[in-house]
Amino acid sequence: MDAFTTGLLQRIRTTQSDLRQAREAGDDFLVEVEQAELEDLQRLAAEHGVPVTAAVPAC
């Protein structure tokens, strides 16, 4: 796995974790921010052929 793929998958995992924490805290604004970030990262992964669903558990 190259550095781009590794870094992208790590950013997705981190964002998923941050999204879970925002939901648990009831921070609606942060949930929106993290959800948008996650969607952007997933789009970037798809554009580069990085399989996200197999490598990263859903939140």
C-alpha atoms as a PDB file:
ATOM      1  CA  MET A   1       0.000   0.000   0.000  1.00  0.00           C
ATOM      2  CA  ASP A   2       1.413   3.376  -0.965  1.00  0.00           C
ATOM      3  CA  ALA A   3       1.697   6.398   1.305  1.00  0.00           C
ATOM      4  CA  PHE A   4      -1.268   8.171  -0.291  1.00  0.00           C
ATOM      5  CA  THR A   5      -3.597   5.227   0.327  1.00  0.00           C
ATOM      6  CA  THR A   6      -2.320   4.670   3.851  1.00  0.00           C
ATOM      7  CA  GLY A   7      -2.705   8.348   4.726  1.00  0.00           C
ATOM      8  CA  LEU A   8      -6.150   8.596   3.188  1.00  0.00           C
ATOM      9  CA  LEU A   9      -7.439   5.546   5.033  1.00  0.00           C
ATOM     10  CA  GLN A  10      -5.999   6.884   8.297  1.00  0.00           C
ATOM     11  CA  ARG A  11      -7.712  10.237   7.759  1.00  0.00           C
ATOM     12  CA  ILE A  12     -11.000   8.417   7.109  1.00  0.00           C
ATOM     13  CA  ARG A  13     -10.646   6.369  10.303  1.00  0.00           C
ATOM     14  CA  THR A  14      -9.828   9.493  12.315  1.00  0.00           C
ATOM     15  CA  THR A  15     -12.749  11.404  10.848  1.00  0.00           C
ATOM     16  CA  GLN A  16     -15.111   8.513  11.554  1.00  0.00           C
ATOM     17  CA  SER A  17     -13.934   8.498  15.168  1.00  0.00           C
ATOM     18  CA  ASP A  18     -14.347  12.270  15.440  1.00  0.00           C
ATOM     19  CA  LEU A  19     -17.837  11.969  13.946  1.00  0.00           C
ATOM     20  CA  ARG A  20     -18.834   9.334  16.498  1.00  0.00           C
ATOM     21  CA  GLN A  21     -17.543  11.533  19.328  1.00  0.00           C
ATOM     22  CA  ALA A  22     -19.445  14.559  18.002  1.00  0.00           C
ATOM     23  CA  ARG A  23     -22.642  12.516  17.818  1.00  0.00           C
ATOM     24  CA  GLU A  24     -22.126  11.204  21.351  1.00  0.00           C
ATOM     25  CA  ALA A  25     -21.552  14.748  22.606  1.00  0.00           C
ATOM     26  CA  GLY A  26     -24.678  15.996  20.842  1.00  0.00           C
ATOM     27  CA  ASP A  27     -22.682  18.655  18.966  1.00  0.00           C
ATOM     28  CA  ASP A  28     -24.838  19.111  15.860  1.00  0.00           C
ATOM     29  CA  PHE A  29     -22.504  21.628  14.227  1.00  0.00           C
ATOM     30  CA  LEU A  30     -19.455  19.403  14.650  1.00  0.00           C
ATOM     31  CA  VAL A  31     -21.452  16.421  13.351  1.00  0.00           C
ATOM     32  CA  GLU A  32     -22.144  18.377  10.156  1.00  0.00           C
ATOM     33  CA  VAL A  33     -18.495  19.393   9.813  1.00  0.00           C
ATOM     34  CA  GLU A  34     -17.180  15.856  10.356  1.00  0.00           C
ATOM     35  CA  GLN A  35     -19.834  14.329   8.070  1.00  0.00           C
ATOM     36  CA  ALA A  36     -18.861  16.728   5.276  1.00  0.00           C
ATOM     37  CA  GLU A  37     -15.175  15.906   5.801  1.00  0.00           C
ATOM     38  CA  LEU A  38     -15.918  12.182   5.701  1.00  0.00           C
ATOM     39  CA  GLU A  39     -17.908  12.547   2.487  1.00  0.00           C
ATOM     40  CA  ASP A  40     -15.045  14.507   0.891  1.00  0.00           C
ATOM     41  CA  LEU A  41     -12.508  11.856   1.912  1.00  0.00           C
ATOM     42  CA  GLN A  42     -14.731   9.043   0.617  1.00  0.00           C
ATOM     43  CA  ARG A  43     -15.160  10.898  -2.699  1.00  0.00           C
ATOM     44  CA  LEU A  44     -11.391  11.346  -2.939  1.00  0.00           C
ATOM     45  CA  ALA A  45     -10.886   7.641  -2.245  1.00  0.00           C
ATOM     46  CA  ALA A  46     -13.393   6.708  -4.945  1.00  0.00           C
ATOM     47  CA  GLU A  47     -11.719   9.023  -7.466  1.00  0.00           C
ATOM     48  CA  HIS A  48      -8.399   7.272  -6.840  1.00  0.00           C
ATOM     49  CA  GLY A  49      -9.720   3.725  -6.698  1.00  0.00           C
ATOM     50  CA  VAL A  50      -9.076   3.262  -2.987  1.00  0.00           C
ATOM     51  CA  PRO A  51     -11.521   0.680  -1.616  1.00  0.00           C
ATOM     52  CA  VAL A  52     -12.858   2.245   1.559  1.00  0.00           C
ATOM     53  CA  THR A  53     -15.681  -0.119   2.498  1.00  0.00           C
ATOM     54  CA  ALA A  54     -13.426  -3.157   2.822  1.00  0.00           C
ATOM     55  CA  ALA A  55     -10.651  -1.341   4.663  1.00  0.00           C
ATOM     56  CA  VAL A  56     -12.541   0.956   6.999  1.00  0.00           C
ATOM     57  CA  PRO A  57     -15.464  -0.097   9.207  1.00  0.00           C
ATOM     58  CA  ALA A  58     -18.622   1.968   8.828  1.00  0.00           C
ATOM     59  CA  CYS A  59     -19.453   4.393  11.596  1.00  0.00           C
END
